[in-house]
Each structure stands twice: as structure tokens, then as C-alpha cells.
N, C-alpha and C. Protein backbone atom coordinates (compact mmCIF):
# COMPACT_ATOMS: atom_id res chain seq x y z
N UNK A 1 105.37 99.42 113.35
CA UNK A 1 104.64 99.12 114.57
C UNK A 1 104.38 100.43 115.29
N UNK A 2 103.15 100.65 115.73
CA UNK A 2 102.86 101.86 116.50
C UNK A 2 103.72 101.91 117.76
N UNK A 3 104.06 103.12 118.16
CA UNK A 3 104.96 103.32 119.30
C UNK A 3 104.43 102.67 120.57
N UNK A 4 103.12 102.70 120.78
CA UNK A 4 102.54 102.12 121.99
C UNK A 4 102.74 100.60 122.06
N UNK A 5 102.88 99.95 120.91
CA UNK A 5 102.97 98.50 120.89
C UNK A 5 104.38 97.97 120.70
N UNK A 6 105.37 98.83 120.54
CA UNK A 6 106.73 98.36 120.27
C UNK A 6 107.30 97.54 121.41
N UNK A 7 107.11 97.96 122.65
CA UNK A 7 107.62 97.20 123.79
C UNK A 7 106.95 95.84 123.90
N UNK A 8 105.63 95.82 123.73
CA UNK A 8 104.90 94.55 123.79
C UNK A 8 105.31 93.62 122.67
N UNK A 9 105.52 94.17 121.49
CA UNK A 9 105.92 93.34 120.36
C UNK A 9 107.32 92.76 120.57
N UNK A 10 108.22 93.57 121.09
CA UNK A 10 109.56 93.08 121.38
C UNK A 10 109.51 91.99 122.44
N UNK A 11 108.74 92.21 123.48
CA UNK A 11 108.61 91.19 124.53
C UNK A 11 107.98 89.91 123.99
N UNK A 12 106.97 90.05 123.12
CA UNK A 12 106.35 88.86 122.54
C UNK A 12 107.32 88.10 121.65
N UNK A 13 108.16 88.82 120.92
CA UNK A 13 109.15 88.17 120.08
C UNK A 13 110.16 87.40 120.92
N UNK A 14 110.63 88.02 121.98
CA UNK A 14 111.58 87.35 122.86
C UNK A 14 110.93 86.16 123.55
N UNK A 15 109.67 86.30 123.97
CA UNK A 15 108.96 85.17 124.56
C UNK A 15 108.83 84.03 123.56
N UNK A 16 108.54 84.35 122.31
CA UNK A 16 108.41 83.33 121.29
C UNK A 16 109.72 82.58 121.08
N UNK A 17 110.82 83.31 121.06
CA UNK A 17 112.12 82.67 120.92
C UNK A 17 112.38 81.72 122.08
N UNK A 18 112.13 82.18 123.29
CA UNK A 18 112.36 81.36 124.48
C UNK A 18 111.42 80.16 124.52
N UNK A 19 110.16 80.38 124.20
CA UNK A 19 109.19 79.28 124.19
C UNK A 19 109.53 78.27 123.11
N UNK A 20 110.02 78.73 121.97
CA UNK A 20 110.45 77.82 120.91
C UNK A 20 111.62 76.96 121.34
N UNK A 21 112.55 77.54 122.08
CA UNK A 21 113.67 76.75 122.61
C UNK A 21 113.16 75.70 123.59
N UNK A 22 112.20 76.08 124.42
CA UNK A 22 111.63 75.12 125.37
C UNK A 22 110.96 73.96 124.64
N UNK A 23 110.16 74.28 123.63
CA UNK A 23 109.49 73.22 122.88
C UNK A 23 110.47 72.32 122.13
N UNK A 24 111.52 72.92 121.59
CA UNK A 24 112.50 72.08 120.90
C UNK A 24 113.24 71.18 121.88
N UNK A 25 113.48 71.67 123.10
CA UNK A 25 114.11 70.83 124.12
C UNK A 25 113.18 69.67 124.49
N UNK A 26 111.90 69.95 124.67
CA UNK A 26 110.94 68.90 125.01
C UNK A 26 110.86 67.89 123.87
N UNK A 27 110.77 68.37 122.64
CA UNK A 27 110.71 67.45 121.50
C UNK A 27 111.98 66.62 121.39
N UNK A 28 113.12 67.23 121.66
CA UNK A 28 114.39 66.50 121.61
C UNK A 28 114.43 65.42 122.68
N UNK A 29 113.99 65.75 123.89
CA UNK A 29 113.99 64.76 124.98
C UNK A 29 113.03 63.61 124.68
N UNK A 30 111.89 63.91 124.09
CA UNK A 30 110.91 62.87 123.80
C UNK A 30 111.30 61.98 122.63
N UNK A 31 112.01 62.55 121.66
CA UNK A 31 112.33 61.77 120.46
C UNK A 31 113.74 61.22 120.45
N UNK A 32 114.58 61.56 121.42
CA UNK A 32 115.96 61.07 121.39
C UNK A 32 116.05 59.55 121.55
N UNK A 33 115.18 58.89 122.33
CA UNK A 33 115.29 57.43 122.39
C UNK A 33 114.74 56.72 121.15
N UNK A 34 114.07 57.45 120.26
CA UNK A 34 113.47 56.83 119.08
C UNK A 34 114.56 56.41 118.11
N UNK A 35 114.61 55.13 117.73
CA UNK A 35 115.62 54.71 116.75
C UNK A 35 115.18 55.06 115.32
N UNK A 36 116.12 55.25 114.46
CA UNK A 36 115.84 55.51 113.05
C UNK A 36 115.65 56.97 112.72
N UNK A 37 115.16 57.20 111.50
CA UNK A 37 115.03 58.59 111.04
C UNK A 37 113.91 59.37 111.72
N UNK A 38 113.02 58.71 112.43
CA UNK A 38 111.93 59.42 113.10
C UNK A 38 112.41 60.37 114.17
N UNK A 39 113.61 60.12 114.71
CA UNK A 39 114.09 60.98 115.79
C UNK A 39 114.41 62.38 115.29
N UNK A 40 114.92 62.53 114.10
CA UNK A 40 115.20 63.89 113.60
C UNK A 40 114.05 64.44 112.77
N UNK A 41 113.21 63.58 112.20
CA UNK A 41 112.08 64.07 111.42
C UNK A 41 111.04 64.75 112.30
N UNK A 42 110.92 64.30 113.53
CA UNK A 42 109.98 64.95 114.44
C UNK A 42 110.39 66.38 114.75
N UNK A 43 111.67 66.63 114.81
CA UNK A 43 112.14 68.00 115.05
C UNK A 43 111.74 68.92 113.90
N UNK A 44 111.83 68.42 112.66
CA UNK A 44 111.38 69.22 111.52
C UNK A 44 109.87 69.47 111.59
N UNK A 45 109.11 68.47 112.03
CA UNK A 45 107.66 68.62 112.13
C UNK A 45 107.30 69.70 113.15
N UNK A 46 108.02 69.76 114.25
CA UNK A 46 107.75 70.79 115.27
C UNK A 46 107.99 72.18 114.68
N UNK A 47 109.06 72.34 113.92
CA UNK A 47 109.37 73.64 113.33
C UNK A 47 108.33 74.04 112.30
N UNK A 48 107.85 73.10 111.48
CA UNK A 48 106.88 73.44 110.45
C UNK A 48 105.52 73.78 111.04
N UNK A 49 105.22 73.30 112.23
CA UNK A 49 103.96 73.65 112.88
C UNK A 49 103.88 75.14 113.17
N UNK A 50 104.98 75.73 113.67
CA UNK A 50 104.99 77.17 113.92
C UNK A 50 104.88 77.97 112.62
N UNK A 51 105.51 77.48 111.57
CA UNK A 51 105.42 78.18 110.28
C UNK A 51 103.98 78.18 109.76
N UNK A 52 103.29 77.07 109.92
CA UNK A 52 101.90 76.99 109.46
C UNK A 52 101.01 77.96 110.23
N UNK A 53 101.18 78.02 111.55
CA UNK A 53 100.39 78.95 112.36
C UNK A 53 100.70 80.39 111.97
N UNK A 54 101.97 80.68 111.73
CA UNK A 54 102.35 82.04 111.33
C UNK A 54 101.75 82.42 109.99
N UNK A 55 101.74 81.49 109.05
CA UNK A 55 101.16 81.79 107.73
C UNK A 55 99.66 82.04 107.82
N UNK A 56 98.97 81.33 108.68
CA UNK A 56 97.54 81.58 108.87
C UNK A 56 97.33 82.97 109.47
N UNK A 57 98.20 83.36 110.41
CA UNK A 57 98.08 84.66 111.04
C UNK A 57 98.35 85.82 110.10
N UNK A 58 99.11 85.59 109.02
CA UNK A 58 99.41 86.66 108.07
C UNK A 58 98.16 87.24 107.41
N UNK A 59 97.13 86.44 107.30
CA UNK A 59 95.90 86.89 106.67
C UNK A 59 95.26 88.03 107.46
N UNK A 60 95.44 88.06 108.78
CA UNK A 60 94.77 89.02 109.62
C UNK A 60 95.58 90.29 109.87
N UNK A 61 96.81 90.36 109.39
CA UNK A 61 97.66 91.52 109.60
C UNK A 61 97.35 92.56 108.53
N UNK A 62 97.04 93.80 108.92
CA UNK A 62 96.75 94.82 107.90
C UNK A 62 98.01 95.25 107.17
N UNK A 63 97.83 95.60 105.91
CA UNK A 63 98.97 96.09 105.12
C UNK A 63 99.35 97.48 105.57
N UNK A 64 100.57 97.85 105.24
CA UNK A 64 101.09 99.15 105.65
C UNK A 64 100.40 100.28 104.90
N UNK A 65 100.02 101.34 105.61
CA UNK A 65 99.45 102.49 104.92
C UNK A 65 100.46 103.15 103.98
N UNK A 66 101.75 103.03 104.29
CA UNK A 66 102.78 103.55 103.39
C UNK A 66 102.69 102.87 102.03
N UNK A 67 102.44 101.58 102.03
CA UNK A 67 102.31 100.84 100.77
C UNK A 67 101.15 101.39 99.95
N UNK A 68 100.00 101.57 100.58
CA UNK A 68 98.82 102.04 99.85
C UNK A 68 99.00 103.47 99.34
N UNK A 69 99.58 104.35 100.15
CA UNK A 69 99.77 105.74 99.72
C UNK A 69 100.77 105.78 98.57
N UNK A 70 101.84 105.00 98.64
CA UNK A 70 102.83 105.01 97.56
C UNK A 70 102.28 104.44 96.26
N UNK A 71 101.23 103.62 96.35
CA UNK A 71 100.60 103.06 95.15
C UNK A 71 99.41 103.88 94.68
N UNK A 72 99.14 105.01 95.35
CA UNK A 72 98.05 105.88 94.93
C UNK A 72 96.68 105.38 95.33
N UNK A 73 96.57 104.67 96.44
CA UNK A 73 95.27 104.17 96.92
C UNK A 73 95.02 104.68 98.34
N UNK A 74 94.73 105.98 98.47
CA UNK A 74 94.54 106.54 99.81
C UNK A 74 93.30 106.00 100.53
N UNK A 75 92.29 105.52 99.79
CA UNK A 75 91.10 104.98 100.44
C UNK A 75 91.43 103.72 101.23
N UNK A 76 92.29 102.87 100.67
CA UNK A 76 92.71 101.68 101.41
C UNK A 76 93.66 102.04 102.54
N UNK A 77 94.43 103.11 102.37
CA UNK A 77 95.31 103.58 103.44
C UNK A 77 94.47 104.06 104.62
N UNK A 78 93.34 104.71 104.35
CA UNK A 78 92.44 105.16 105.42
C UNK A 78 91.96 103.96 106.24
N UNK A 79 91.53 102.90 105.54
CA UNK A 79 91.04 101.70 106.23
C UNK A 79 92.15 101.05 107.04
N UNK A 80 93.35 101.02 106.48
CA UNK A 80 94.48 100.40 107.17
C UNK A 80 94.86 101.17 108.43
N UNK A 81 94.87 102.49 108.34
CA UNK A 81 95.19 103.32 109.51
C UNK A 81 94.12 103.14 110.59
N UNK A 82 92.87 103.09 110.18
CA UNK A 82 91.79 102.89 111.16
C UNK A 82 91.91 101.53 111.83
N UNK A 83 92.36 100.53 111.07
CA UNK A 83 92.52 99.19 111.63
C UNK A 83 93.71 99.12 112.59
N UNK A 84 94.79 99.83 112.26
CA UNK A 84 96.00 99.79 113.09
C UNK A 84 95.86 100.66 114.33
N UNK A 85 95.41 101.90 114.15
CA UNK A 85 95.42 102.87 115.24
C UNK A 85 94.07 103.05 115.93
N UNK A 86 93.02 102.48 115.38
CA UNK A 86 91.70 102.64 115.99
C UNK A 86 90.84 103.62 115.21
N UNK A 87 89.57 103.58 115.48
CA UNK A 87 88.61 104.42 114.75
C UNK A 87 88.77 105.90 115.04
N UNK A 88 89.24 106.26 116.24
CA UNK A 88 89.35 107.67 116.61
C UNK A 88 90.71 108.28 116.26
N UNK A 89 91.49 107.61 115.44
CA UNK A 89 92.81 108.12 115.06
C UNK A 89 92.66 109.28 114.07
N UNK A 90 93.64 110.14 114.05
CA UNK A 90 93.68 111.25 113.10
C UNK A 90 94.18 110.71 111.76
N UNK A 91 93.25 110.19 110.99
CA UNK A 91 93.61 109.51 109.73
C UNK A 91 94.19 110.50 108.73
N UNK A 92 93.56 111.64 108.58
CA UNK A 92 94.04 112.62 107.61
C UNK A 92 95.44 113.13 107.96
N UNK A 93 95.68 113.35 109.25
CA UNK A 93 97.01 113.79 109.68
C UNK A 93 98.07 112.73 109.41
N UNK A 94 97.72 111.47 109.65
CA UNK A 94 98.67 110.39 109.39
C UNK A 94 98.94 110.24 107.90
N UNK A 95 97.91 110.40 107.08
CA UNK A 95 98.09 110.33 105.62
C UNK A 95 99.00 111.46 105.17
N UNK A 96 98.81 112.65 105.73
CA UNK A 96 99.67 113.79 105.37
C UNK A 96 101.12 113.52 105.79
N UNK A 97 101.32 112.95 106.98
CA UNK A 97 102.67 112.60 107.42
C UNK A 97 103.31 111.57 106.49
N UNK A 98 102.53 110.58 106.10
CA UNK A 98 103.05 109.54 105.20
C UNK A 98 103.43 110.14 103.86
N UNK A 99 102.58 111.01 103.34
CA UNK A 99 102.87 111.64 102.04
C UNK A 99 104.12 112.51 102.13
N UNK A 100 104.29 113.22 103.25
CA UNK A 100 105.49 114.04 103.43
C UNK A 100 106.73 113.15 103.51
N UNK A 101 106.65 112.07 104.26
CA UNK A 101 107.80 111.16 104.38
C UNK A 101 108.15 110.54 103.04
N UNK A 102 107.14 110.13 102.28
CA UNK A 102 107.41 109.54 100.97
C UNK A 102 108.00 110.56 100.00
N UNK A 103 107.51 111.81 100.07
CA UNK A 103 108.05 112.85 99.21
C UNK A 103 109.51 113.13 99.54
N UNK A 104 109.82 113.26 100.83
CA UNK A 104 111.21 113.49 101.24
C UNK A 104 112.10 112.33 100.84
N UNK A 105 111.60 111.14 100.95
CA UNK A 105 112.38 109.97 100.58
C UNK A 105 112.67 109.95 99.07
N UNK A 106 111.66 110.30 98.30
CA UNK A 106 111.86 110.30 96.85
C UNK A 106 112.74 111.45 96.38
N UNK A 107 112.81 112.53 97.16
CA UNK A 107 113.66 113.66 96.80
C UNK A 107 115.11 113.46 97.18
N UNK A 108 115.43 112.36 97.81
CA UNK A 108 116.83 112.07 98.08
C UNK A 108 117.26 112.15 99.51
N UNK A 109 116.35 112.43 100.43
CA UNK A 109 116.74 112.48 101.83
C UNK A 109 116.66 111.08 102.43
N UNK A 110 117.50 110.19 101.92
CA UNK A 110 117.49 108.80 102.34
C UNK A 110 118.51 108.53 103.43
N UNK A 111 119.22 109.54 103.87
CA UNK A 111 120.29 109.32 104.83
C UNK A 111 119.76 108.99 106.23
N UNK A 112 118.53 109.38 106.54
CA UNK A 112 118.02 109.14 107.89
C UNK A 112 117.42 107.75 108.05
N UNK A 113 117.34 106.97 107.01
CA UNK A 113 116.79 105.64 107.12
C UNK A 113 117.77 104.63 106.54
N UNK A 114 117.50 103.40 106.79
CA UNK A 114 118.36 102.35 106.27
C UNK A 114 119.17 101.70 107.38
N UNK A 115 119.90 100.70 107.01
CA UNK A 115 120.65 99.92 107.97
C UNK A 115 121.77 100.71 108.64
N UNK A 116 122.46 101.53 107.88
CA UNK A 116 123.58 102.28 108.45
C UNK A 116 123.12 103.35 109.44
N UNK A 117 121.87 103.81 109.31
CA UNK A 117 121.34 104.79 110.27
C UNK A 117 121.20 104.18 111.66
N UNK A 118 121.03 102.86 111.74
CA UNK A 118 120.93 102.20 113.05
C UNK A 118 122.22 102.32 113.84
N UNK A 119 123.35 102.45 113.14
CA UNK A 119 124.65 102.52 113.81
C UNK A 119 125.22 103.93 113.86
N UNK A 120 124.40 104.92 113.50
CA UNK A 120 124.85 106.30 113.62
C UNK A 120 124.92 106.67 115.09
N UNK A 121 125.57 107.77 115.39
CA UNK A 121 125.75 108.19 116.78
C UNK A 121 124.40 108.44 117.46
N UNK A 122 123.44 108.90 116.70
CA UNK A 122 122.13 109.23 117.25
C UNK A 122 121.37 107.98 117.68
N UNK A 123 121.50 106.86 116.94
CA UNK A 123 120.70 105.66 117.19
C UNK A 123 121.50 104.49 117.73
N UNK A 124 122.79 104.63 117.92
CA UNK A 124 123.65 103.51 118.29
C UNK A 124 123.24 102.87 119.62
N UNK A 125 122.95 103.66 120.61
CA UNK A 125 122.59 103.13 121.94
C UNK A 125 121.32 102.29 121.87
N UNK A 126 120.31 102.78 121.16
CA UNK A 126 119.05 102.05 121.03
C UNK A 126 119.27 100.74 120.28
N UNK A 127 120.10 100.77 119.25
CA UNK A 127 120.39 99.56 118.49
C UNK A 127 121.10 98.52 119.35
N UNK A 128 122.07 98.96 120.13
CA UNK A 128 122.80 98.03 120.99
C UNK A 128 121.92 97.44 122.08
N UNK A 129 121.01 98.23 122.64
CA UNK A 129 120.09 97.71 123.65
C UNK A 129 119.18 96.65 123.05
N UNK A 130 118.65 96.92 121.87
CA UNK A 130 117.76 95.96 121.23
C UNK A 130 118.50 94.69 120.86
N UNK A 131 119.67 94.83 120.27
CA UNK A 131 120.46 93.64 119.91
C UNK A 131 120.84 92.84 121.15
N UNK A 132 121.18 93.54 122.22
CA UNK A 132 121.52 92.85 123.47
C UNK A 132 120.35 92.07 124.02
N UNK A 133 119.15 92.66 123.98
CA UNK A 133 117.97 91.96 124.51
C UNK A 133 117.68 90.71 123.71
N UNK A 134 117.74 90.80 122.38
CA UNK A 134 117.48 89.62 121.56
C UNK A 134 118.58 88.58 121.70
N UNK A 135 119.82 89.02 121.81
CA UNK A 135 120.93 88.08 121.97
C UNK A 135 120.83 87.35 123.30
N UNK A 136 120.59 88.08 124.39
CA UNK A 136 120.47 87.45 125.70
C UNK A 136 119.29 86.48 125.75
N UNK A 137 118.18 86.85 125.12
CA UNK A 137 117.02 85.98 125.13
C UNK A 137 117.28 84.68 124.38
N UNK A 138 117.97 84.78 123.26
CA UNK A 138 118.23 83.57 122.48
C UNK A 138 119.35 82.73 123.06
N UNK A 139 120.24 83.34 123.83
CA UNK A 139 121.37 82.59 124.40
C UNK A 139 121.05 81.99 125.77
N UNK A 140 120.11 82.54 126.48
CA UNK A 140 119.87 82.01 127.82
C UNK A 140 119.11 80.68 127.72
N UNK A 141 119.72 79.69 128.28
CA UNK A 141 119.12 78.37 128.30
C UNK A 141 119.36 77.54 127.06
N UNK A 142 119.98 78.10 126.04
CA UNK A 142 120.15 77.32 124.81
C UNK A 142 121.25 76.28 124.94
N UNK A 143 122.18 76.50 125.87
CA UNK A 143 123.23 75.50 126.04
C UNK A 143 122.84 74.48 127.07
């Protein structure tokens, strides 16, 4: 995710979690007096509706330029970068950065990425803030 959109994306994710809890509460209140298996089957139907909308949205999400560069298709990486960052982005500079990152990764400098890097001293505070925000968002109002 581009740096400019990370805060908005995090907020949208937390909003989605909270809105999903609200909808499940509404569906639960509406279907709880229903006798028989329809009372729990409606809850499954509500969940599958979000999955269907998400799957339709996947078609419009551009693929990662890292994927295209690693597969040797820089022309598609150019289109992907233009779609993600805009037409006036420094496409060649970003391609060069991606190629450098992929080269360093393939040469064995894998210590700066991965799950354990999130808990290193350098990134621990950021990881805890993010985990706290998602935990608080999912826990507030769920009981």
C-alpha cells in the first residue's frame, strides 16, 4: 500500500470490522425470534454477502509491480505503477527500486523483512500500535 494511503486503509479496515459487527447484531436481533434452522442460516447468508462483494472488488485491484518485475514483465509493472501511483509517478525510479529490493532479497538479505522483523526493536512500537488499534476496534461493542 502506498504510504499516503496506509492510514486511510487502516481506518477503512477498522470501520469495516465495526460495521460488520453492527450488521451481525442487527441480523441476530431480527432472526432470533425465528424458529427452526432459518435463525442461524440467515447469519451465514449475511457473511457470504460480504465475501461476494469482496470477490467482485478483487477484479479491480491492480497486481503488485513486484510480482511483474520478478516474473520478467516490466511493461506490465509500468502499467501497474501508473495505476497505483498515478500517471505522473516516477515509474522508472520505482522499477529501479523494485529491482534493487528483489536483488538484495535474492542475495540473502532477508533479515529486514518477514514476521520476526515486526517484533524487532526497530519496529516493535509500530507493531504494537497497529495491533492495539485493530484489537480495540474488534473488541469495542462486541460484548
